[in-house]
PDB file of N, CA and C in Angstrom:
ATOM      1  N   MET A   1     -93.264 -46.968  -5.644  1.00  0.00           N
ATOM      2  CA  MET A   1     -94.550 -47.202  -5.014  1.00  0.00           C
ATOM      3  C   MET A   1     -95.452 -45.984  -5.246  1.00  0.00           C
ATOM      4  N   ALA A   2     -96.724 -46.269  -5.444  1.00  0.00           N
ATOM      5  CA  ALA A   2     -97.683 -45.206  -5.723  1.00  0.00           C
ATOM      6  C   ALA A   2     -97.981 -44.394  -4.463  1.00  0.00           C
ATOM      7  N   ASN A   3     -98.215 -43.102  -4.641  1.00  0.00           N
ATOM      8  CA  ASN A   3     -98.542 -42.211  -3.526  1.00  0.00           C
ATOM      9  C   ASN A   3    -100.037 -41.953  -3.415  1.00  0.00           C
ATOM     10  N   ILE A   4    -100.740 -42.068  -4.526  1.00  0.00           N
ATOM     11  CA  ILE A   4    -102.169 -41.764  -4.547  1.00  0.00           C
ATOM     12  C   ILE A   4    -102.947 -42.996  -4.100  1.00  0.00           C
ATOM     13  N   LYS A   5    -103.970 -42.747  -3.284  1.00  0.00           N
ATOM     14  CA  LYS A   5    -104.744 -43.829  -2.694  1.00  0.00           C
ATOM     15  C   LYS A   5    -105.381 -44.737  -3.754  1.00  0.00           C
ATOM     16  N   SER A   6    -105.931 -44.154  -4.814  1.00  0.00           N
ATOM     17  CA  SER A   6    -106.583 -44.955  -5.857  1.00  0.00           C
ATOM     18  C   SER A   6    -105.559 -45.800  -6.610  1.00  0.00           C
ATOM     19  N   ALA A   7    -104.350 -45.273  -6.790  1.00  0.00           N
ATOM     20  CA  ALA A   7    -103.298 -46.032  -7.478  1.00  0.00           C
ATOM     21  C   ALA A   7    -102.848 -47.219  -6.633  1.00  0.00           C
ATOM     22  N   VAL A   8    -102.767 -47.017  -5.320  1.00  0.00           N
ATOM     23  CA  VAL A   8    -102.400 -48.109  -4.406  1.00  0.00           C
ATOM     24  C   VAL A   8    -103.455 -49.200  -4.472  1.00  0.00           C
ATOM     25  N   LYS A   9    -104.729 -48.787  -4.487  1.00  0.00           N
ATOM     26  CA  LYS A   9    -105.822 -49.753  -4.561  1.00  0.00           C
ATOM     27  C   LYS A   9    -105.766 -50.530  -5.876  1.00  0.00           C
ATOM     28  N   ARG A  10    -105.505 -49.856  -6.990  1.00  0.00           N
ATOM     29  CA  ARG A  10    -105.421 -50.540  -8.289  1.00  0.00           C
ATOM     30  C   ARG A  10    -104.298 -51.563  -8.295  1.00  0.00           C
ATOM     31  N   ILE A  11    -103.186 -51.244  -7.644  1.00  0.00           N
ATOM     32  CA  ILE A  11    -102.062 -52.183  -7.567  1.00  0.00           C
ATOM     33  C   ILE A  11    -102.493 -53.449  -6.826  1.00  0.00           C
ATOM     34  N   GLU A  12    -103.193 -53.269  -5.720  1.00  0.00           N
ATOM     35  CA  GLU A  12    -103.663 -54.422  -4.939  1.00  0.00           C
ATOM     36  C   GLU A  12    -104.678 -55.259  -5.722  1.00  0.00           C
ATOM     37  N   VAL A  13    -105.600 -54.582  -6.410  1.00  0.00           N
ATOM     38  CA  VAL A  13    -106.610 -55.279  -7.211  1.00  0.00           C
ATOM     39  C   VAL A  13    -105.937 -56.069  -8.332  1.00  0.00           C
ATOM     40  N   THR A  14    -104.951 -55.452  -8.962  1.00  0.00           N
ATOM     41  CA  THR A  14    -104.229 -56.108 -10.051  1.00  0.00           C
ATOM     42  C   THR A  14    -103.507 -57.351  -9.552  1.00  0.00           C
ATOM     43  N   LYS A  15    -102.928 -57.281  -8.366  1.00  0.00           N
ATOM     44  CA  LYS A  15    -102.251 -58.455  -7.785  1.00  0.00           C
ATOM     45  C   LYS A  15    -103.232 -59.609  -7.595  1.00  0.00           C
ATOM     46  N   ARG A  16    -104.418 -59.285  -7.052  1.00  0.00           N
ATOM     47  CA  ARG A  16    -105.434 -60.332  -6.838  1.00  0.00           C
ATOM     48  C   ARG A  16    -105.884 -60.941  -8.159  1.00  0.00           C
ATOM     49  N   GLN A  17    -106.142 -60.089  -9.138  1.00  0.00           N
ATOM     50  CA  GLN A  17    -106.589 -60.581 -10.439  1.00  0.00           C
ATOM     51  C   GLN A  17    -105.518 -61.419 -11.113  1.00  0.00           C
ATOM     52  N   THR A  18    -104.262 -61.021 -10.972  1.00  0.00           N
ATOM     53  CA  THR A  18    -103.157 -61.777 -11.563  1.00  0.00           C
ATOM     54  C   THR A  18    -103.086 -63.175 -10.974  1.00  0.00           C
ATOM     55  N   LEU A  19    -103.276 -63.282  -9.659  1.00  0.00           N
ATOM     56  CA  LEU A  19    -103.265 -64.605  -9.020  1.00  0.00           C
ATOM     57  C   LEU A  19    -104.417 -65.481  -9.511  1.00  0.00           C
ATOM     58  N   LYS A  20    -105.604 -64.882  -9.647  1.00  0.00           N
ATOM     59  CA  LYS A  20    -106.753 -65.640 -10.154  1.00  0.00           C
ATOM     60  C   LYS A  20    -106.506 -66.119 -11.576  1.00  0.00           C
ATOM     61  N   ASN A  21    -106.007 -65.213 -12.425  1.00  0.00           N
ATOM     62  CA  ASN A  21    -105.758 -65.564 -13.818  1.00  0.00           C
ATOM     63  C   ASN A  21    -104.692 -66.639 -13.925  1.00  0.00           C
ATOM     64  N   LYS A  22    -103.647 -66.537 -13.116  1.00  0.00           N
ATOM     65  CA  LYS A  22    -102.576 -67.529 -13.135  1.00  0.00           C
ATOM     66  C   LYS A  22    -103.122 -68.896 -12.729  1.00  0.00           C
ATOM     67  N   SER A  23    -104.012 -68.914 -11.736  1.00  0.00           N
ATOM     68  CA  SER A  23    -104.616 -70.158 -11.281  1.00  0.00           C
ATOM     69  C   SER A  23    -105.463 -70.791 -12.386  1.00  0.00           C
ATOM     70  N   LYS A  24    -106.253 -69.986 -13.070  1.00  0.00           N
ATOM     71  CA  LYS A  24    -107.108 -70.509 -14.146  1.00  0.00           C
ATOM     72  C   LYS A  24    -106.270 -71.041 -15.305  1.00  0.00           C
ATOM     73  N   LYS A  25    -105.212 -70.307 -15.673  1.00  0.00           N
ATOM     74  CA  LYS A  25    -104.339 -70.758 -16.756  1.00  0.00           C
ATOM     75  C   LYS A  25    -103.649 -72.061 -16.382  1.00  0.00           C
ATOM     76  N   SER A  26    -103.217 -72.151 -15.140  1.00  0.00           N
ATOM     77  CA  SER A  26    -102.539 -73.357 -14.671  1.00  0.00           C
ATOM     78  C   SER A  26    -103.482 -74.552 -14.708  1.00  0.00           C
ATOM     79  N   GLU A  27    -104.730 -74.349 -14.313  1.00  0.00           N
ATOM     80  CA  GLU A  27    -105.727 -75.418 -14.343  1.00  0.00           C
ATOM     81  C   GLU A  27    -105.943 -75.920 -15.770  1.00  0.00           C
ATOM     82  N   ILE A  28    -106.035 -74.994 -16.695  1.00  0.00           N
ATOM     83  CA  ILE A  28    -106.236 -75.358 -18.101  1.00  0.00           C
ATOM     84  C   ILE A  28    -105.038 -76.138 -18.623  1.00  0.00           C
ATOM     85  N   LYS A  29    -103.832 -75.680 -18.287  1.00  0.00           N
ATOM     86  CA  LYS A  29    -102.618 -76.380 -18.720  1.00  0.00           C
ATOM     87  C   LYS A  29    -102.562 -77.796 -18.166  1.00  0.00           C
ATOM     88  N   THR A  30    -103.020 -77.973 -16.929  1.00  0.00           N
ATOM     89  CA  THR A  30    -103.044 -79.305 -16.324  1.00  0.00           C
ATOM     90  C   THR A  30    -103.989 -80.220 -17.090  1.00  0.00           C
ATOM     91  N   TYR A  31    -105.172 -79.706 -17.443  1.00  0.00           N
ATOM     92  CA  TYR A  31    -106.115 -80.509 -18.222  1.00  0.00           C
ATOM     93  C   TYR A  31    -105.533 -80.867 -19.591  1.00  0.00           C
ATOM     94  N   ILE A  32    -104.802 -79.935 -20.195  1.00  0.00           N
ATOM     95  CA  ILE A  32    -104.197 -80.203 -21.496  1.00  0.00           C
ATOM     96  C   ILE A  32    -103.143 -81.293 -21.381  1.00  0.00           C
ATOM     97  N   LYS A  33    -102.363 -81.278 -20.299  1.00  0.00           N
ATOM     98  CA  LYS A  33    -101.365 -82.332 -20.075  1.00  0.00           C
ATOM     99  C   LYS A  33    -102.046 -83.690 -19.901  1.00  0.00           C
ATOM    100  N   LYS A  34    -103.163 -83.707 -19.168  1.00  0.00           N
ATOM    101  CA  LYS A  34    -103.920 -84.957 -18.996  1.00  0.00           C
ATOM    102  C   LYS A  34    -104.459 -85.438 -20.342  1.00  0.00           C
ATOM    103  N   PHE A  35    -104.898 -84.491 -21.179  1.00  0.00           N
ATOM    104  CA  PHE A  35    -105.396 -84.825 -22.511  1.00  0.00           C
ATOM    105  C   PHE A  35    -104.306 -85.484 -23.342  1.00  0.00           C
ATOM    106  N   HIS A  36    -103.113 -84.903 -23.340  1.00  0.00           N
ATOM    107  CA  HIS A  36    -102.000 -85.465 -24.106  1.00  0.00           C
ATOM    108  C   HIS A  36    -101.620 -86.855 -23.577  1.00  0.00           C
ATOM    109  N   ALA A  37    -101.689 -87.027 -22.268  1.00  0.00           N
ATOM    110  CA  ALA A  37    -101.388 -88.336 -21.685  1.00  0.00           C
ATOM    111  C   ALA A  37    -102.424 -89.369 -22.130  1.00  0.00           C
ATOM    112  N   ALA A  38    -103.689 -88.981 -22.173  1.00  0.00           N
ATOM    113  CA  ALA A  38    -104.752 -89.894 -22.601  1.00  0.00           C
ATOM    114  C   ALA A  38    -104.584 -90.269 -24.071  1.00  0.00           C
ATOM    115  N   ILE A  39    -104.180 -89.296 -24.887  1.00  0.00           N
ATOM    116  CA  ILE A  39    -103.952 -89.573 -26.310  1.00  0.00           C
ATOM    117  C   ILE A  39    -102.789 -90.558 -26.472  1.00  0.00           C
ATOM    118  N   SER A  40    -101.712 -90.338 -25.730  1.00  0.00           N
ATOM    119  CA  SER A  40    -100.545 -91.210 -25.866  1.00  0.00           C
ATOM    120  C   SER A  40    -100.836 -92.633 -25.375  1.00  0.00           C
ATOM    121  N   GLU A  41    -101.785 -92.766 -24.446  1.00  0.00           N
ATOM    122  CA  GLU A  41    -102.192 -94.090 -23.953  1.00  0.00           C
ATOM    123  C   GLU A  41    -103.304 -94.701 -24.803  1.00  0.00           C
ATOM    124  N   SER A  42    -103.719 -94.012 -25.845  1.00  0.00           N
ATOM    125  CA  SER A  42    -104.814 -94.434 -26.731  1.00  0.00           C
ATOM    126  C   SER A  42    -106.136 -94.587 -25.994  1.00  0.00           C
ATOM    127  N   ASN A  43    -106.337 -93.758 -24.981  1.00  0.00           N
ATOM    128  CA  ASN A  43    -107.586 -93.754 -24.230  1.00  0.00           C
ATOM    129  C   ASN A  43    -108.469 -92.641 -24.802  1.00  0.00           C
ATOM    130  N   LEU A  44    -109.151 -92.950 -25.910  1.00  0.00           N
ATOM    131  CA  LEU A  44    -109.881 -91.915 -26.650  1.00  0.00           C
ATOM    132  C   LEU A  44    -111.135 -91.425 -25.928  1.00  0.00           C
ATOM    133  N   GLU A  45    -111.791 -92.307 -25.152  1.00  0.00           N
ATOM    134  CA  GLU A  45    -112.992 -91.877 -24.431  1.00  0.00           C
ATOM    135  C   GLU A  45    -112.631 -90.817 -23.395  1.00  0.00           C
ATOM    136  N   SER A  46    -111.565 -91.081 -22.653  1.00  0.00           N
ATOM    137  CA  SER A  46    -111.109 -90.131 -21.644  1.00  0.00           C
ATOM    138  C   SER A  46    -110.651 -88.827 -22.306  1.00  0.00           C
ATOM    139  N   ALA A  47    -109.952 -88.942 -23.421  1.00  0.00           N
ATOM    140  CA  ALA A  47    -109.477 -87.765 -24.135  1.00  0.00           C
ATOM    141  C   ALA A  47    -110.648 -86.922 -24.638  1.00  0.00           C
ATOM    142  N   ASN A  48    -111.704 -87.574 -25.084  1.00  0.00           N
ATOM    143  CA  ASN A  48    -112.885 -86.857 -25.572  1.00  0.00           C
ATOM    144  C   ASN A  48    -113.546 -86.079 -24.437  1.00  0.00           C
ATOM    145  N   GLU A  49    -113.672 -86.707 -23.267  1.00  0.00           N
ATOM    146  CA  GLU A  49    -114.243 -86.019 -22.107  1.00  0.00           C
ATOM    147  C   GLU A  49    -113.380 -84.834 -21.699  1.00  0.00           C
ATOM    148  N   LEU A  50    -112.068 -85.054 -21.694  1.00  0.00           N
ATOM    149  CA  LEU A  50    -111.150 -83.976 -21.329  1.00  0.00           C
ATOM    150  C   LEU A  50    -111.235 -82.823 -22.323  1.00  0.00           C
ATOM    151  N   LEU A  51    -111.400 -83.140 -23.591  1.00  0.00           N
ATOM    152  CA  LEU A  51    -111.512 -82.092 -24.605  1.00  0.00           C
ATOM    153  C   LEU A  51    -112.750 -81.227 -24.357  1.00  0.00           C
ATOM    154  N   ARG A  52    -113.853 -81.853 -23.997  1.00  0.00           N
ATOM    155  CA  ARG A  52    -115.065 -81.088 -23.698  1.00  0.00           C
ATOM    156  C   ARG A  52    -114.848 -80.177 -22.484  1.00  0.00           C
ATOM    157  N   THR A  53    -114.167 -80.721 -21.462  1.00  0.00           N
ATOM    158  CA  THR A  53    -113.880 -79.922 -20.267  1.00  0.00           C
ATOM    159  C   THR A  53    -112.957 -78.757 -20.601  1.00  0.00           C
ATOM    160  N   ILE A  54    -111.919 -79.046 -21.388  1.00  0.00           N
ATOM    161  CA  ILE A  54    -110.965 -78.000 -21.778  1.00  0.00           C
ATOM    162  C   ILE A  54    -111.676 -76.917 -22.581  1.00  0.00           C
ATOM    163  N   ASP A  55    -112.544 -77.329 -23.495  1.00  0.00           N
ATOM    164  CA  ASP A  55    -113.287 -76.376 -24.317  1.00  0.00           C
ATOM    165  C   ASP A  55    -114.114 -75.445 -23.434  1.00  0.00           C
ATOM    166  N   LYS A  56    -114.815 -76.019 -22.476  1.00  0.00           N
ATOM    167  CA  LYS A  56    -115.652 -75.230 -21.573  1.00  0.00           C
ATOM    168  C   LYS A  56    -114.800 -74.251 -20.763  1.00  0.00           C
ATOM    169  N   LYS A  57    -113.695 -74.736 -20.222  1.00  0.00           N
ATOM    170  CA  LYS A  57    -112.832 -73.888 -19.399  1.00  0.00           C
ATOM    171  C   LYS A  57    -112.187 -72.774 -20.219  1.00  0.00           C
ATOM    172  N   LEU A  58    -111.759 -73.094 -21.454  1.00  0.00           N
ATOM    173  CA  LEU A  58    -111.141 -72.080 -22.304  1.00  0.00           C
ATOM    174  C   LEU A  58    -112.146 -71.006 -22.699  1.00  0.00           C
ATOM    175  N   LYS A  59    -113.376 -71.407 -23.034  1.00  0.00           N
ATOM    176  CA  LYS A  59    -114.388 -70.421 -23.400  1.00  0.00           C
ATOM    177  C   LYS A  59    -114.719 -69.509 -22.216  1.00  0.00           C
ATOM    178  N   LYS A  60    -114.800 -70.100 -21.034  1.00  0.00           N
ATOM    179  CA  LYS A  60    -115.075 -69.297 -19.853  1.00  0.00           C
ATOM    180  C   LYS A  60    -113.924 -68.331 -19.574  1.00  0.00           C
ATOM    181  N   ALA A  61    -112.693 -68.823 -19.738  1.00  0.00           N
ATOM    182  CA  ALA A  61    -111.526 -67.969 -19.514  1.00  0.00           C
ATOM    183  C   ALA A  61    -111.487 -66.829 -20.524  1.00  0.00           C
ATOM    184  N   SER A  62    -111.901 -67.104 -21.756  1.00  0.00           N
ATOM    185  CA  SER A  62    -111.880 -66.038 -22.765  1.00  0.00           C
ATOM    186  C   SER A  62    -112.960 -64.995 -22.487  1.00  0.00           C
ATOM    187  N   THR A  63    -114.108 -65.411 -21.961  1.00  0.00           N
ATOM    188  CA  THR A  63    -115.146 -64.428 -21.643  1.00  0.00           C
ATOM    189  C   THR A  63    -114.764 -63.596 -20.421  1.00  0.00           C
ATOM    190  N   LYS A  64    -113.943 -64.162 -19.533  1.00  0.00           N
ATOM    191  CA  LYS A  64    -113.481 -63.426 -18.356  1.00  0.00           C
ATOM    192  C   LYS A  64    -112.189 -62.657 -18.634  1.00  0.00           C
ATOM    193  N   SER A  65    -111.755 -62.629 -19.899  1.00  0.00           N
ATOM    194  CA  SER A  65    -110.547 -61.919 -20.336  1.00  0.00           C
ATOM    195  C   SER A  65    -109.269 -62.457 -19.714  1.00  0.00           C
ATOM    196  N   VAL A  66    -109.257 -63.745 -19.390  1.00  0.00           N
ATOM    197  CA  VAL A  66    -108.019 -64.380 -18.943  1.00  0.00           C
ATOM    198  C   VAL A  66    -107.177 -64.702 -20.165  1.00  0.00           C
ATOM    199  N   LEU A  67    -107.832 -65.168 -21.222  1.00  0.00           N
ATOM    200  CA  LEU A  67    -107.190 -65.463 -22.496  1.00  0.00           C
ATOM    201  C   LEU A  67    -107.919 -64.698 -23.598  1.00  0.00           C
ATOM    202  N   HIS A  68    -107.234 -64.492 -24.701  1.00  0.00           N
ATOM    203  CA  HIS A  68    -107.891 -63.887 -25.856  1.00  0.00           C
ATOM    204  C   HIS A  68    -108.788 -64.940 -26.511  1.00  0.00           C
ATOM    205  N   LYS A  69    -109.880 -64.494 -27.078  1.00  0.00           N
ATOM    206  CA  LYS A  69    -110.865 -65.384 -27.695  1.00  0.00           C
ATOM    207  C   LYS A  69    -110.236 -66.243 -28.787  1.00  0.00           C
ATOM    208  N   ASN A  70    -109.405 -65.640 -29.635  1.00  0.00           N
ATOM    209  CA  ASN A  70    -108.786 -66.388 -30.728  1.00  0.00           C
ATOM    210  C   ASN A  70    -107.774 -67.405 -30.215  1.00  0.00           C
ATOM    211  N   ALA A  71    -107.075 -67.080 -29.152  1.00  0.00           N
ATOM    212  CA  ALA A  71    -106.106 -68.014 -28.574  1.00  0.00           C
ATOM    213  C   ALA A  71    -106.823 -69.242 -28.030  1.00  0.00           C
ATOM    214  N   ALA A  72    -107.958 -69.019 -27.372  1.00  0.00           N
ATOM    215  CA  ALA A  72    -108.738 -70.134 -26.838  1.00  0.00           C
ATOM    216  C   ALA A  72    -109.255 -71.005 -27.978  1.00  0.00           C
ATOM    217  N   SER A  73    -109.764 -70.391 -29.029  1.00  0.00           N
ATOM    218  CA  SER A  73    -110.270 -71.145 -30.177  1.00  0.00           C
ATOM    219  C   SER A  73    -109.159 -71.938 -30.849  1.00  0.00           C
ATOM    220  N   ARG A  74    -107.986 -71.332 -30.952  1.00  0.00           N
ATOM    221  CA  ARG A  74    -106.844 -72.002 -31.570  1.00  0.00           C
ATOM    222  C   ARG A  74    -106.428 -73.238 -30.767  1.00  0.00           C
ATOM    223  N   LYS A  75    -106.426 -73.108 -29.443  1.00  0.00           N
ATOM    224  CA  LYS A  75    -106.049 -74.249 -28.609  1.00  0.00           C
ATOM    225  C   LYS A  75    -107.049 -75.391 -28.746  1.00  0.00           C
ATOM    226  N   VAL A  76    -108.336 -75.068 -28.740  1.00  0.00           N
ATOM    227  CA  VAL A  76    -109.366 -76.096 -28.894  1.00  0.00           C
ATOM    228  C   VAL A  76    -109.246 -76.760 -30.259  1.00  0.00           C
ATOM    229  N   SER A  77    -108.988 -75.970 -31.281  1.00  0.00           N
ATOM    230  CA  SER A  77    -108.853 -76.497 -32.632  1.00  0.00           C
ATOM    231  C   SER A  77    -107.681 -77.476 -32.730  1.00  0.00           C
ATOM    232  N   ASN A  78    -106.536 -77.084 -32.179  1.00  0.00           N
ATOM    233  CA  ASN A  78    -105.354 -77.950 -32.232  1.00  0.00           C
ATOM    234  C   ASN A  78    -105.581 -79.260 -31.477  1.00  0.00           C
ATOM    235  N   LEU A  79    -106.236 -79.170 -30.317  1.00  0.00           N
ATOM    236  CA  LEU A  79    -106.510 -80.383 -29.541  1.00  0.00           C
ATOM    237  C   LEU A  79    -107.510 -81.277 -30.275  1.00  0.00           C
ATOM    238  N   SER A  80    -108.492 -80.670 -30.929  1.00  0.00           N
ATOM    239  CA  SER A  80    -109.472 -81.444 -31.695  1.00  0.00           C
ATOM    240  C   SER A  80    -108.799 -82.196 -32.832  1.00  0.00           C
ATOM    241  N   LYS A  81    -107.857 -81.523 -33.504  1.00  0.00           N
ATOM    242  CA  LYS A  81    -107.119 -82.171 -34.584  1.00  0.00           C
ATOM    243  C   LYS A  81    -106.343 -83.378 -34.066  1.00  0.00           C
ATOM    244  N   LYS A  82    -105.697 -83.215 -32.911  1.00  0.00           N
ATOM    245  CA  LYS A  82    -104.923 -84.326 -32.343  1.00  0.00           C
ATOM    246  C   LYS A  82    -105.826 -85.496 -31.989  1.00  0.00           C
ATOM    247  N   LEU A  83    -106.999 -85.200 -31.442  1.00  0.00           N
ATOM    248  CA  LEU A  83    -107.936 -86.272 -31.101  1.00  0.00           C
ATOM    249  C   LEU A  83    -108.411 -86.964 -32.372  1.00  0.00           C
ATOM    250  N   HIS A  84    -108.706 -86.206 -33.407  1.00  0.00           N
ATOM    251  CA  HIS A  84    -109.165 -86.785 -34.660  1.00  0.00           C
ATOM    252  C   HIS A  84    -108.085 -87.659 -35.282  1.00  0.00           C
ATOM    253  N   GLN A  85    -106.857 -87.170 -35.296  1.00  0.00           N
ATOM    254  CA  GLN A  85    -105.753 -87.959 -35.858  1.00  0.00           C
ATOM    255  C   GLN A  85    -105.548 -89.253 -35.084  1.00  0.00           C
ATOM    256  N   ALA A  86    -105.680 -89.180 -33.773  1.00  0.00           N
ATOM    257  CA  ALA A  86    -105.528 -90.378 -32.949  1.00  0.00           C
ATOM    258  C   ALA A  86    -106.642 -91.375 -33.221  1.00  0.00           C
ATOM    259  N   SER A  87    -107.868 -90.871 -33.433  1.00  0.00           N
ATOM    260  CA  SER A  87    -108.988 -91.777 -33.703  1.00  0.00           C
ATOM    261  C   SER A  87    -108.869 -92.401 -35.081  1.00  0.00           C
ATOM    262  N   VAL A  88    -108.306 -91.666 -36.053  1.00  0.00           N
ATOM    263  CA  VAL A  88    -108.101 -92.218 -37.404  1.00  0.00           C
ATOM    264  C   VAL A  88    -107.033 -93.310 -37.372  1.00  0.00           C
ATOM    265  N   VAL A  89    -105.984 -93.074 -36.615  1.00  0.00           N
ATOM    266  CA  VAL A  89    -104.906 -94.062 -36.493  1.00  0.00           C
ATOM    267  C   VAL A  89    -105.418 -95.337 -35.821  1.00  0.00           C
ATOM    268  N   GLU A  90    -106.289 -95.188 -34.818  1.00  0.00           N
ATOM    269  CA  GLU A  90    -106.852 -96.341 -34.110  1.00  0.00           C
ATOM    270  C   GLU A  90    -107.737 -97.189 -35.021  1.00  0.00           C
ATOM    271  N   ALA A  91    -108.472 -96.525 -35.889  1.00  0.00           N
ATOM    272  CA  ALA A  91    -109.433 -97.235 -36.742  1.00  0.00           C
ATOM    273  C   ALA A  91    -108.792 -97.978 -37.857  1.00  0.00           C
TER     274      ALA A  91
END
């Protein structure tokens, strides 16, 4: 345990930030699971809406340093590919 007052404060701040970041990551993962479920049910309209929501949330998380910018872009790219492949198969 830290003895210096500023170090104790940083530990507490880090705990709060970790909880916030974990919550945001969990929310994004939930949306991604819903997206995969919509794709498997061939519900492309719902999947498209979810993709837009996921994109917005990932970009916001990357600007708040919850995720790295490239990781967020990679996730959006992979989900976009899956949506495109599903729409090609449907057509």
